[in-house]
Amino acid sequence: MNQERKLRQRAWYYSRVYADPKDTNIVYALNTGFYRSRDGGKTFPQGIQVPHGDNHDLWISPTDPNRMIESNDGGANVSVNGGRTWSAQDFATAQFYHVTTTNHFPYRICGAQQDNSTLCGPSRQAGGISNRDWMDAGGGESGYIAADPLHPDIVYAGSYGGLLTRKDMRTGLTRDINPWPDNPMGISSEDIKYKFQWTFPIVFSPHDPHTIYVGGSNVFVTRTEGQSYQIISPPLARNDPQTLGASGGPITKDQTGFETYGVVFPLAPSPRTAGVLWAGSAAG
C-alpha cells in the first residue's frame, strides 16, 4: 500500500501498523515518528506529535478510539482525544536496561534508561520518593552501572560507543575513562580496533573491590579506577568478514555499528581465580 521511507526507517525493531477499531480507513504507523492515514494506508500525510520519539507500540480502546496509550523510548503516554494531546512524560515508565544496587544504607538503586540518561535514587525514604531524589550517574542511556563496593558514592557507568565514566556522586565530578579512546561512530566494524556492544558489561571483582572488569571484544581490567587498563583475554568477537563491512544502503549508511559489535558477557565469578568467565557473541 505504501513505500514511504519514513514508515520503515529502522524497520527491524519498531515498525508497527495499527487499524482504528471503528473506522477501517484510519491506520496508524509507528517508527521514529508517529503517523496517521485516513485512506487505509495509501498516504500518511499527518504526523502526530508525541512527547517522545522512537515509537514502539500502541493500544487503542476497542470501544472509544480516542482513548489510546502509546509507548516510546521515553516510556508511555495516554491520549483521550485521538492524539491531539498526551499525558506528560514525567512519571515512572522509563525503559531500564539494567538495575544495580549500592552499598549505602539504605541502599540506592541505579540504572540506565533508554534515551534519558542514567539514574541513581533511594530504595526508601521518609515521606516517599519523588523525581527530585534521583540523580544522573554518568555514562549514558544504554550502559551497565557499577558502584564502588568500598566507596559507593563513586559510580562507574557505560554507554554505547565504548563510553565509560567515573562519577563522584557527592561532588558531581565526572571523568571519561574509556578503555579505548576512539569514537566508533561512522566506522565500519572491520576498522574498529576494539569493539564494545551497545550495552557492554562493567563488573567489580567479587574477590578484589579494587578490580573492575570491562567486557568488549577483549576483556579489559583496571585496578587504577580507569587510569590505565590491561587486556586479559584473547580476541572474543566472531570477526566474520561477511558482517564487518559498511552497513546500510549504498547511499544512506547506518554506520552506528551497534548491531554488529562484538560483546562479552560475564557469566559467573570463578571460585579459583580473581577473574570472571567470559563468552564472545554477536556477529562482529
C-alpha atoms as a PDB file:
ATOM      1  CA  MET A   1       0.000   0.000   0.000  1.00  0.00           C
ATOM      2  CA  ASN A   2       2.753   2.436   0.889  1.00  0.00           C
ATOM      3  CA  GLN A   3       6.512   2.583   0.373  1.00  0.00           C
ATOM      4  CA  GLU A   4       7.350   5.836   2.165  1.00  0.00           C
ATOM      5  CA  ARG A   5      10.781   5.669   3.755  1.00  0.00           C
ATOM      6  CA  LYS A   6       9.604   7.396   6.932  1.00  0.00           C
ATOM      7  CA  LEU A   7       7.412   4.377   7.769  1.00  0.00           C
ATOM      8  CA  ARG A   8      10.328   1.904   7.836  1.00  0.00           C
ATOM      9  CA  GLN A   9      13.305   3.989   8.904  1.00  0.00           C
ATOM     10  CA  ARG A  10      14.638   1.294  11.260  1.00  0.00           C
ATOM     11  CA  ALA A  11      12.295  -1.489  10.360  1.00  0.00           C
ATOM     12  CA  TRP A  12      13.799  -4.340  12.328  1.00  0.00           C
ATOM     13  CA  TYR A  13      12.843  -3.174  15.776  1.00  0.00           C
ATOM     14  CA  TYR A  14       9.943  -0.794  15.816  1.00  0.00           C
ATOM     15  CA  SER A  15       7.837  -0.722  12.689  1.00  0.00           C
ATOM     16  CA  ARG A  16       4.214  -1.288  13.725  1.00  0.00           C
ATOM     17  CA  VAL A  17       0.880  -0.728  11.969  1.00  0.00           C
ATOM     18  CA  TYR A  18      -2.462  -0.466  13.791  1.00  0.00           C
ATOM     19  CA  ALA A  19      -6.008  -0.081  12.492  1.00  0.00           C
ATOM     20  CA  ASP A  20      -8.670   2.036  14.129  1.00  0.00           C
ATOM     21  CA  PRO A  21     -11.238  -0.422  15.606  1.00  0.00           C
ATOM     22  CA  LYS A  22     -14.180   1.728  14.446  1.00  0.00           C
ATOM     23  CA  ASP A  23     -13.013   3.167  11.101  1.00  0.00           C
ATOM     24  CA  THR A  24     -11.171   0.936   8.620  1.00  0.00           C
ATOM     25  CA  ASN A  25      -9.823   3.982   6.742  1.00  0.00           C
ATOM     26  CA  ILE A  26      -7.813   5.173   9.744  1.00  0.00           C
ATOM     27  CA  VAL A  27      -4.437   3.488  10.160  1.00  0.00           C
ATOM     28  CA  TYR A  28      -1.564   4.361  12.486  1.00  0.00           C
ATOM     29  CA  ALA A  29       2.109   3.674  11.687  1.00  0.00           C
ATOM     30  CA  LEU A  30       4.826   3.743  14.334  1.00  0.00           C
ATOM     31  CA  ASN A  31       8.527   4.302  13.697  1.00  0.00           C
ATOM     32  CA  THR A  32      10.890   7.080  14.720  1.00  0.00           C
ATOM     33  CA  GLY A  33       7.799   9.221  14.175  1.00  0.00           C
ATOM     34  CA  PHE A  34       4.096   8.518  14.736  1.00  0.00           C
ATOM     35  CA  TYR A  35       1.829   8.815  11.686  1.00  0.00           C
ATOM     36  CA  ARG A  36      -1.863   8.552  10.784  1.00  0.00           C
ATOM     37  CA  SER A  37      -3.514   7.674   7.492  1.00  0.00           C
ATOM     38  CA  ARG A  38      -7.161   8.423   6.709  1.00  0.00           C
ATOM     39  CA  ASP A  39      -7.274   6.494   3.427  1.00  0.00           C
ATOM     40  CA  GLY A  40      -6.450   2.955   4.536  1.00  0.00           C
ATOM     41  CA  GLY A  41      -2.697   3.393   4.411  1.00  0.00           C
ATOM     42  CA  LYS A  42      -2.287   4.813   0.907  1.00  0.00           C
ATOM     43  CA  THR A  43      -0.917   8.076   2.296  1.00  0.00           C
ATOM     44  CA  PHE A  44       0.333   9.159   5.712  1.00  0.00           C
ATOM     45  CA  PRO A  45       0.335  12.941   5.435  1.00  0.00           C
ATOM     46  CA  GLN A  46      -0.288  13.609   9.095  1.00  0.00           C
ATOM     47  CA  GLY A  47       2.443  13.208  11.661  1.00  0.00           C
ATOM     48  CA  ILE A  48       1.134  13.097  15.229  1.00  0.00           C
ATOM     49  CA  GLN A  49       3.160  14.981  17.812  1.00  0.00           C
ATOM     50  CA  VAL A  50       4.010  12.809  20.811  1.00  0.00           C
ATOM     51  CA  PRO A  51       6.071  13.742  23.883  1.00  0.00           C
ATOM     52  CA  HIS A  52       8.935  11.413  22.951  1.00  0.00           C
ATOM     53  CA  GLY A  53      10.361   9.887  19.777  1.00  0.00           C
ATOM     54  CA  ASP A  54      11.101   6.288  18.721  1.00  0.00           C
ATOM     55  CA  ASN A  55       7.637   4.769  18.915  1.00  0.00           C
ATOM     56  CA  HIS A  56       7.223   1.065  19.652  1.00  0.00           C
ATOM     57  CA  ASP A  57       3.634   0.145  20.476  1.00  0.00           C
ATOM     58  CA  LEU A  58       0.077   1.435  20.538  1.00  0.00           C
ATOM     59  CA  TRP A  59      -3.096   0.398  22.352  1.00  0.00           C
ATOM     60  CA  ILE A  60      -6.417   1.754  21.087  1.00  0.00           C
ATOM     61  CA  SER A  61      -9.574   1.278  23.113  1.00  0.00           C
ATOM     62  CA  PRO A  62     -11.917  -1.066  21.222  1.00  0.00           C
ATOM     63  CA  THR A  63     -14.930   0.962  22.376  1.00  0.00           C
ATOM     64  CA  ASP A  64     -13.551   4.510  22.050  1.00  0.00           C
ATOM     65  CA  PRO A  65     -10.712   5.065  19.508  1.00  0.00           C
ATOM     66  CA  ASN A  66      -9.972   8.466  21.010  1.00  0.00           C
ATOM     67  CA  ARG A  67      -8.514   6.651  24.027  1.00  0.00           C
ATOM     68  CA  MET A  68      -5.027   5.324  23.330  1.00  0.00           C
ATOM     69  CA  ILE A  69      -1.731   4.545  25.032  1.00  0.00           C
ATOM     70  CA  GLU A  70       1.448   5.000  23.009  1.00  0.00           C
ATOM     71  CA  SER A  71       4.799   3.578  24.164  1.00  0.00           C
ATOM     72  CA  ASN A  72       8.141   5.006  23.117  1.00  0.00           C
ATOM     73  CA  ASP A  73      11.780   5.202  24.125  1.00  0.00           C
ATOM     74  CA  GLY A  74      10.884   7.540  26.965  1.00  0.00           C
ATOM     75  CA  GLY A  75       8.088   5.465  28.471  1.00  0.00           C
ATOM     76  CA  ALA A  76       4.357   5.700  27.739  1.00  0.00           C
ATOM     77  CA  ASN A  77       1.781   8.438  27.157  1.00  0.00           C
ATOM     78  CA  VAL A  78      -2.012   8.495  27.257  1.00  0.00           C
ATOM     79  CA  SER A  79      -4.374  10.404  24.970  1.00  0.00           C
ATOM     80  CA  VAL A  80      -8.149  10.719  25.355  1.00  0.00           C
ATOM     81  CA  ASN A  81      -8.688  12.846  22.228  1.00  0.00           C
ATOM     82  CA  GLY A  82      -7.209  10.818  19.371  1.00  0.00           C
ATOM     83  CA  GLY A  83      -3.652  12.053  19.745  1.00  0.00           C
ATOM     84  CA  ARG A  84      -4.291  15.794  19.851  1.00  0.00           C
ATOM     85  CA  THR A  85      -2.822  15.973  23.355  1.00  0.00           C
ATOM     86  CA  TRP A  86      -0.964  13.500  25.558  1.00  0.00           C
ATOM     87  CA  SER A  87      -0.171  12.973  29.200  1.00  0.00           C
ATOM     88  CA  ALA A  88       3.232  14.192  30.345  1.00  0.00           C
ATOM     89  CA  GLN A  89       6.484  12.208  30.285  1.00  0.00           C
ATOM     90  CA  ASP A  90       7.266  12.892  33.956  1.00  0.00           C
ATOM     91  CA  PHE A  91       6.132   9.667  35.561  1.00  0.00           C
ATOM     92  CA  ALA A  92       7.947   6.373  36.077  1.00  0.00           C
ATOM     93  CA  THR A  93       7.503   4.453  32.836  1.00  0.00           C
ATOM     94  CA  ALA A  94      11.074   4.602  31.510  1.00  0.00           C
ATOM     95  CA  GLN A  95      12.849   1.633  29.893  1.00  0.00           C
ATOM     96  CA  PHE A  96      15.715   0.452  32.096  1.00  0.00           C
ATOM     97  CA  TYR A  97      18.399  -1.764  30.585  1.00  0.00           C
ATOM     98  CA  HIS A  98      19.953  -2.995  33.826  1.00  0.00           C
ATOM     99  CA  VAL A  99      19.474  -2.294  37.520  1.00  0.00           C
ATOM    100  CA  THR A 100      22.111  -2.490  40.241  1.00  0.00           C
ATOM    101  CA  THR A 101      22.304  -1.504  43.895  1.00  0.00           C
ATOM    102  CA  THR A 102      24.911   0.262  46.022  1.00  0.00           C
ATOM    103  CA  ASN A 103      26.300  -0.468  49.495  1.00  0.00           C
ATOM    104  CA  HIS A 104      24.691   2.601  51.041  1.00  0.00           C
ATOM    105  CA  PHE A 105      22.264   2.111  53.897  1.00  0.00           C
ATOM    106  CA  PRO A 106      19.521   2.334  52.853  1.00  0.00           C
ATOM    107  CA  TYR A 107      20.877   1.140  49.538  1.00  0.00           C
ATOM    108  CA  ARG A 108      20.424   3.101  46.318  1.00  0.00           C
ATOM    109  CA  ILE A 109      19.114   1.738  43.034  1.00  0.00           C
ATOM    110  CA  CYS A 110      20.917   2.684  39.824  1.00  0.00           C
ATOM    111  CA  GLY A 111      20.119   2.024  36.183  1.00  0.00           C
ATOM    112  CA  ALA A 112      20.395   3.352  32.637  1.00  0.00           C
ATOM    113  CA  GLN A 113      17.164   4.391  30.917  1.00  0.00           C
ATOM    114  CA  GLN A 114      16.726   4.419  27.163  1.00  0.00           C
ATOM    115  CA  ASP A 115      17.176   7.935  25.685  1.00  0.00           C
ATOM    116  CA  ASN A 116      17.065   9.536  29.125  1.00  0.00           C
ATOM    117  CA  SER A 117      20.402   9.176  30.932  1.00  0.00           C
ATOM    118  CA  THR A 118      21.392   7.084  33.922  1.00  0.00           C
ATOM    119  CA  LEU A 119      19.824   7.461  37.356  1.00  0.00           C
ATOM    120  CA  CYS A 120      20.568   6.594  40.979  1.00  0.00           C
ATOM    121  CA  GLY A 121      17.943   7.011  43.660  1.00  0.00           C
ATOM    122  CA  PRO A 122      16.999   5.862  47.164  1.00  0.00           C
ATOM    123  CA  SER A 123      15.373   2.490  47.773  1.00  0.00           C
ATOM    124  CA  ARG A 124      13.318   4.061  50.584  1.00  0.00           C
ATOM    125  CA  GLN A 125      12.906   7.478  52.092  1.00  0.00           C
ATOM    126  CA  ALA A 126      10.823   9.180  54.751  1.00  0.00           C
ATOM    127  CA  GLY A 127       7.853  10.847  53.115  1.00  0.00           C
ATOM    128  CA  GLY A 128       8.215   8.838  49.931  1.00  0.00           C
ATOM    129  CA  ILE A 129      10.475   9.013  46.873  1.00  0.00           C
ATOM    130  CA  SER A 130       9.976  11.800  44.319  1.00  0.00           C
ATOM    131  CA  ASN A 131      11.569  12.690  40.984  1.00  0.00           C
ATOM    132  CA  ARG A 132      13.979  15.140  42.620  1.00  0.00           C
ATOM    133  CA  ASP A 133      15.539  12.326  44.656  1.00  0.00           C
ATOM    134  CA  TRP A 134      17.063  10.754  41.517  1.00  0.00           C
ATOM    135  CA  MET A 135      20.481  11.843  40.265  1.00  0.00           C
ATOM    136  CA  ASP A 136      22.338  11.355  36.991  1.00  0.00           C
ATOM    137  CA  ALA A 137      25.068   8.741  37.427  1.00  0.00           C
ATOM    138  CA  GLY A 138      27.218   9.496  34.356  1.00  0.00           C
ATOM    139  CA  GLY A 139      27.591   7.216  31.356  1.00  0.00           C
ATOM    140  CA  GLY A 140      24.581   7.180  29.070  1.00  0.00           C
ATOM    141  CA  GLU A 141      21.299   5.641  28.066  1.00  0.00           C
ATOM    142  CA  SER A 142      22.370   2.054  27.407  1.00  0.00           C
ATOM    143  CA  GLY A 143      25.078   1.195  29.897  1.00  0.00           C
ATOM    144  CA  TYR A 144      25.759  -1.029  32.829  1.00  0.00           C
ATOM    145  CA  ILE A 145      26.397   0.730  36.144  1.00  0.00           C
ATOM    146  CA  ALA A 146      28.772  -0.463  38.867  1.00  0.00           C
ATOM    147  CA  ALA A 147      29.122   1.334  42.215  1.00  0.00           C
ATOM    148  CA  ASP A 148      32.378   1.030  44.129  1.00  0.00           C
ATOM    149  CA  PRO A 149      31.705  -1.511  46.915  1.00  0.00           C
ATOM    150  CA  LEU A 150      34.001   0.345  49.348  1.00  0.00           C
ATOM    151  CA  HIS A 151      33.070   3.898  48.343  1.00  0.00           C
ATOM    152  CA  PRO A 152      29.503   3.628  46.993  1.00  0.00           C
ATOM    153  CA  ASP A 153      29.320   7.321  46.030  1.00  0.00           C
ATOM    154  CA  ILE A 154      31.848   6.527  43.271  1.00  0.00           C
ATOM    155  CA  VAL A 155      29.864   5.171  40.325  1.00  0.00           C
ATOM    156  CA  TYR A 156      31.098   3.740  37.030  1.00  0.00           C
ATOM    157  CA  ALA A 157      28.648   3.941  34.129  1.00  0.00           C
ATOM    158  CA  GLY A 158      28.860   2.957  30.468  1.00  0.00           C
ATOM    159  CA  SER A 159      27.086   3.730  27.236  1.00  0.00           C
ATOM    160  CA  TYR A 160      27.294   2.868  23.568  1.00  0.00           C
ATOM    161  CA  GLY A 161      30.480   3.523  21.611  1.00  0.00           C
ATOM    162  CA  GLY A 162      32.651   2.234  24.451  1.00  0.00           C
ATOM    163  CA  LEU A 163      31.958   5.256  26.676  1.00  0.00           C
ATOM    164  CA  LEU A 164      32.771   4.684  30.349  1.00  0.00           C
ATOM    165  CA  THR A 165      32.724   7.340  33.069  1.00  0.00           C
ATOM    166  CA  ARG A 166      33.709   7.576  36.720  1.00  0.00           C
ATOM    167  CA  LYS A 167      31.478   9.924  38.734  1.00  0.00           C
ATOM    168  CA  ASP A 168      31.674  11.097  42.325  1.00  0.00           C
ATOM    169  CA  MET A 169      28.014  11.471  43.260  1.00  0.00           C
ATOM    170  CA  ARG A 170      28.880  13.738  46.215  1.00  0.00           C
ATOM    171  CA  THR A 171      30.683  16.384  44.147  1.00  0.00           C
ATOM    172  CA  GLY A 172      29.318  15.722  40.660  1.00  0.00           C
ATOM    173  CA  LEU A 173      32.863  15.451  39.293  1.00  0.00           C
ATOM    174  CA  THR A 174      32.859  13.156  36.252  1.00  0.00           C
ATOM    175  CA  ARG A 175      35.685  11.996  34.010  1.00  0.00           C
ATOM    176  CA  ASP A 176      35.813   9.776  30.960  1.00  0.00           C
ATOM    177  CA  ILE A 177      37.775   6.566  31.473  1.00  0.00           C
ATOM    178  CA  ASN A 178      37.058   4.743  28.205  1.00  0.00           C
ATOM    179  CA  PRO A 179      39.141   1.565  27.852  1.00  0.00           C
ATOM    180  CA  TRP A 180      39.897   2.665  24.282  1.00  0.00           C
ATOM    181  CA  PRO A 181      39.579   6.341  23.282  1.00  0.00           C
ATOM    182  CA  ASP A 182      38.176   6.083  19.737  1.00  0.00           C
ATOM    183  CA  ASN A 183      34.591   7.080  18.990  1.00  0.00           C
ATOM    184  CA  PRO A 184      33.438   4.356  16.560  1.00  0.00           C
ATOM    185  CA  MET A 185      30.509   6.286  15.080  1.00  0.00           C
ATOM    186  CA  GLY A 186      30.620   6.121  11.276  1.00  0.00           C
ATOM    187  CA  ILE A 187      33.374   3.495  11.190  1.00  0.00           C
ATOM    188  CA  SER A 188      32.940   0.048   9.670  1.00  0.00           C
ATOM    189  CA  SER A 189      33.377  -2.791  12.128  1.00  0.00           C
ATOM    190  CA  GLU A 190      36.461  -4.070  10.279  1.00  0.00           C
ATOM    191  CA  ASP A 191      38.228  -0.777  11.060  1.00  0.00           C
ATOM    192  CA  ILE A 192      37.392  -0.661  14.767  1.00  0.00           C
ATOM    193  CA  LYS A 193      40.301  -1.886  16.881  1.00  0.00           C
ATOM    194  CA  TYR A 194      38.296  -2.814  19.997  1.00  0.00           C
ATOM    195  CA  LYS A 195      34.546  -3.285  19.739  1.00  0.00           C
ATOM    196  CA  PHE A 196      32.017  -2.560  22.503  1.00  0.00           C
ATOM    197  CA  GLN A 197      28.415  -3.636  22.308  1.00  0.00           C
ATOM    198  CA  TRP A 198      25.524  -1.200  22.814  1.00  0.00           C
ATOM    199  CA  THR A 199      25.276  -2.325  26.449  1.00  0.00           C
ATOM    200  CA  PHE A 200      28.672  -3.717  27.443  1.00  0.00           C
ATOM    201  CA  PRO A 201      29.328  -5.219  30.920  1.00  0.00           C
ATOM    202  CA  ILE A 202      31.099  -3.391  33.756  1.00  0.00           C
ATOM    203  CA  VAL A 203      31.752  -5.604  36.786  1.00  0.00           C
ATOM    204  CA  PHE A 204      33.657  -5.269  40.073  1.00  0.00           C
ATOM    205  CA  SER A 205      35.560  -8.391  41.028  1.00  0.00           C
ATOM    206  CA  PRO A 206      33.836 -10.265  43.878  1.00  0.00           C
ATOM    207  CA  HIS A 207      37.330 -11.121  45.187  1.00  0.00           C
ATOM    208  CA  ASP A 208      39.011  -7.702  44.973  1.00  0.00           C
ATOM    209  CA  PRO A 209      36.992  -4.474  45.346  1.00  0.00           C
ATOM    210  CA  HIS A 210      39.784  -2.533  43.601  1.00  0.00           C
ATOM    211  CA  THR A 211      39.462  -4.514  40.370  1.00  0.00           C
ATOM    212  CA  ILE A 212      36.984  -3.653  37.610  1.00  0.00           C
ATOM    213  CA  TYR A 213      36.370  -5.755  34.502  1.00  0.00           C
ATOM    214  CA  VAL A 214      35.046  -4.234  31.269  1.00  0.00           C
ATOM    215  CA  GLY A 215      33.757  -6.519  28.505  1.00  0.00           C
ATOM    216  CA  GLY A 216      34.289  -5.752  24.836  1.00  0.00           C
ATOM    217  CA  SER A 217      35.781  -7.734  22.001  1.00  0.00           C
ATOM    218  CA  ASN A 218      38.513  -8.295  24.591  1.00  0.00           C
ATOM    219  CA  VAL A 219      38.191  -8.312  28.372  1.00  0.00           C
ATOM    220  CA  PHE A 220      39.806  -5.226  29.920  1.00  0.00           C
ATOM    221  CA  VAL A 221      40.759  -4.887  33.582  1.00  0.00           C
ATOM    222  CA  THR A 222      41.662  -1.806  35.604  1.00  0.00           C
ATOM    223  CA  ARG A 223      42.986  -1.570  39.147  1.00  0.00           C
ATOM    224  CA  THR A 224      43.544   2.185  38.951  1.00  0.00           C
ATOM    225  CA  GLU A 225      39.937   3.430  38.677  1.00  0.00           C
ATOM    226  CA  GLY A 226      40.204   3.613  34.902  1.00  0.00           C
ATOM    227  CA  GLN A 227      43.503   5.495  34.737  1.00  0.00           C
ATOM    228  CA  SER A 228      45.017   2.506  32.928  1.00  0.00           C
ATOM    229  CA  TYR A 229      43.847  -0.854  31.556  1.00  0.00           C
ATOM    230  CA  GLN A 230      45.235  -4.262  30.748  1.00  0.00           C
ATOM    231  CA  ILE A 231      43.804  -6.724  28.235  1.00  0.00           C
ATOM    232  CA  ILE A 232      43.452 -10.152  29.846  1.00  0.00           C
ATOM    233  CA  SER A 233      41.732 -12.184  27.128  1.00  0.00           C
ATOM    234  CA  PRO A 234      42.277 -13.156  23.508  1.00  0.00           C
ATOM    235  CA  PRO A 235      40.013 -11.521  20.892  1.00  0.00           C
ATOM    236  CA  LEU A 236      36.489 -12.792  21.574  1.00  0.00           C
ATOM    237  CA  ALA A 237      34.365 -11.359  18.763  1.00  0.00           C
ATOM    238  CA  ARG A 238      33.455 -13.727  15.955  1.00  0.00           C
ATOM    239  CA  ASN A 239      35.055 -11.446  13.305  1.00  0.00           C
ATOM    240  CA  ASP A 240      33.043 -12.891  10.444  1.00  0.00           C
ATOM    241  CA  PRO A 241      34.266 -10.995   7.334  1.00  0.00           C
ATOM    242  CA  GLN A 242      30.724 -11.006   5.915  1.00  0.00           C
ATOM    243  CA  THR A 243      29.494  -8.811   8.768  1.00  0.00           C
ATOM    244  CA  LEU A 244      32.420  -6.425   9.215  1.00  0.00           C
ATOM    245  CA  GLY A 245      31.966  -4.063   6.280  1.00  0.00           C
ATOM    246  CA  ALA A 246      29.928  -0.903   5.834  1.00  0.00           C
ATOM    247  CA  SER A 247      26.289  -1.327   6.862  1.00  0.00           C
ATOM    248  CA  GLY A 248      23.214   0.243   5.374  1.00  0.00           C
ATOM    249  CA  GLY A 249      22.437   1.079   1.774  1.00  0.00           C
ATOM    250  CA  PRO A 250      24.831   2.409  -0.867  1.00  0.00           C
ATOM    251  CA  ILE A 251      23.582   5.968  -0.326  1.00  0.00           C
ATOM    252  CA  THR A 252      22.270   6.086   3.241  1.00  0.00           C
ATOM    253  CA  LYS A 253      24.655   4.356   5.642  1.00  0.00           C
ATOM    254  CA  ASP A 254      23.746   3.038   9.066  1.00  0.00           C
ATOM    255  CA  GLN A 255      27.230   3.228  10.479  1.00  0.00           C
ATOM    256  CA  THR A 256      26.412   3.292  14.162  1.00  0.00           C
ATOM    257  CA  GLY A 257      27.884  -0.204  14.301  1.00  0.00           C
ATOM    258  CA  PHE A 258      25.799  -1.252  17.295  1.00  0.00           C
ATOM    259  CA  GLU A 259      24.027  -4.094  15.548  1.00  0.00           C
ATOM    260  CA  THR A 260      27.314  -5.805  14.624  1.00  0.00           C
ATOM    261  CA  TYR A 261      29.626  -5.104  17.542  1.00  0.00           C
ATOM    262  CA  GLY A 262      31.359  -7.856  19.443  1.00  0.00           C
ATOM    263  CA  VAL A 263      30.196  -8.327  23.003  1.00  0.00           C
ATOM    264  CA  VAL A 264      31.414 -10.087  26.095  1.00  0.00           C
ATOM    265  CA  PHE A 265      29.042 -11.286  28.794  1.00  0.00           C
ATOM    266  CA  PRO A 266      30.352 -12.059  32.294  1.00  0.00           C
ATOM    267  CA  LEU A 267      28.863 -15.405  33.186  1.00  0.00           C
ATOM    268  CA  ALA A 268      29.848 -16.161  36.777  1.00  0.00           C
ATOM    269  CA  PRO A 269      32.596 -15.436  39.290  1.00  0.00           C
ATOM    270  CA  SER A 270      35.172 -18.186  39.457  1.00  0.00           C
ATOM    271  CA  PRO A 271      35.969 -19.588  42.909  1.00  0.00           C
ATOM    272  CA  ARG A 272      39.518 -20.390  41.829  1.00  0.00           C
ATOM    273  CA  THR A 273      40.602 -17.125  40.233  1.00  0.00           C
ATOM    274  CA  ALA A 274      40.200 -13.432  40.839  1.00  0.00           C
ATOM    275  CA  GLY A 275      38.577 -13.049  37.425  1.00  0.00           C
ATOM    276  CA  VAL A 276      35.353 -13.792  35.645  1.00  0.00           C
ATOM    277  CA  LEU A 277      34.385 -16.281  32.992  1.00  0.00           C
ATOM    278  CA  TRP A 278      33.565 -14.790  29.621  1.00  0.00           C
ATOM    279  CA  ALA A 279      31.900 -15.673  26.352  1.00  0.00           C
ATOM    280  CA  GLY A 280      32.077 -13.985  22.971  1.00  0.00           C
ATOM    281  CA  SER A 281      28.943 -13.222  20.970  1.00  0.00           C
ATOM    282  CA  ALA A 282      27.418 -11.044  18.243  1.00  0.00           C
ATOM    283  CA  ALA A 283      28.138 -11.020  14.548  1.00  0.00           C
ATOM    284  CA  GLY A 284      31.001  -8.514  14.624  1.00  0.00           C
END
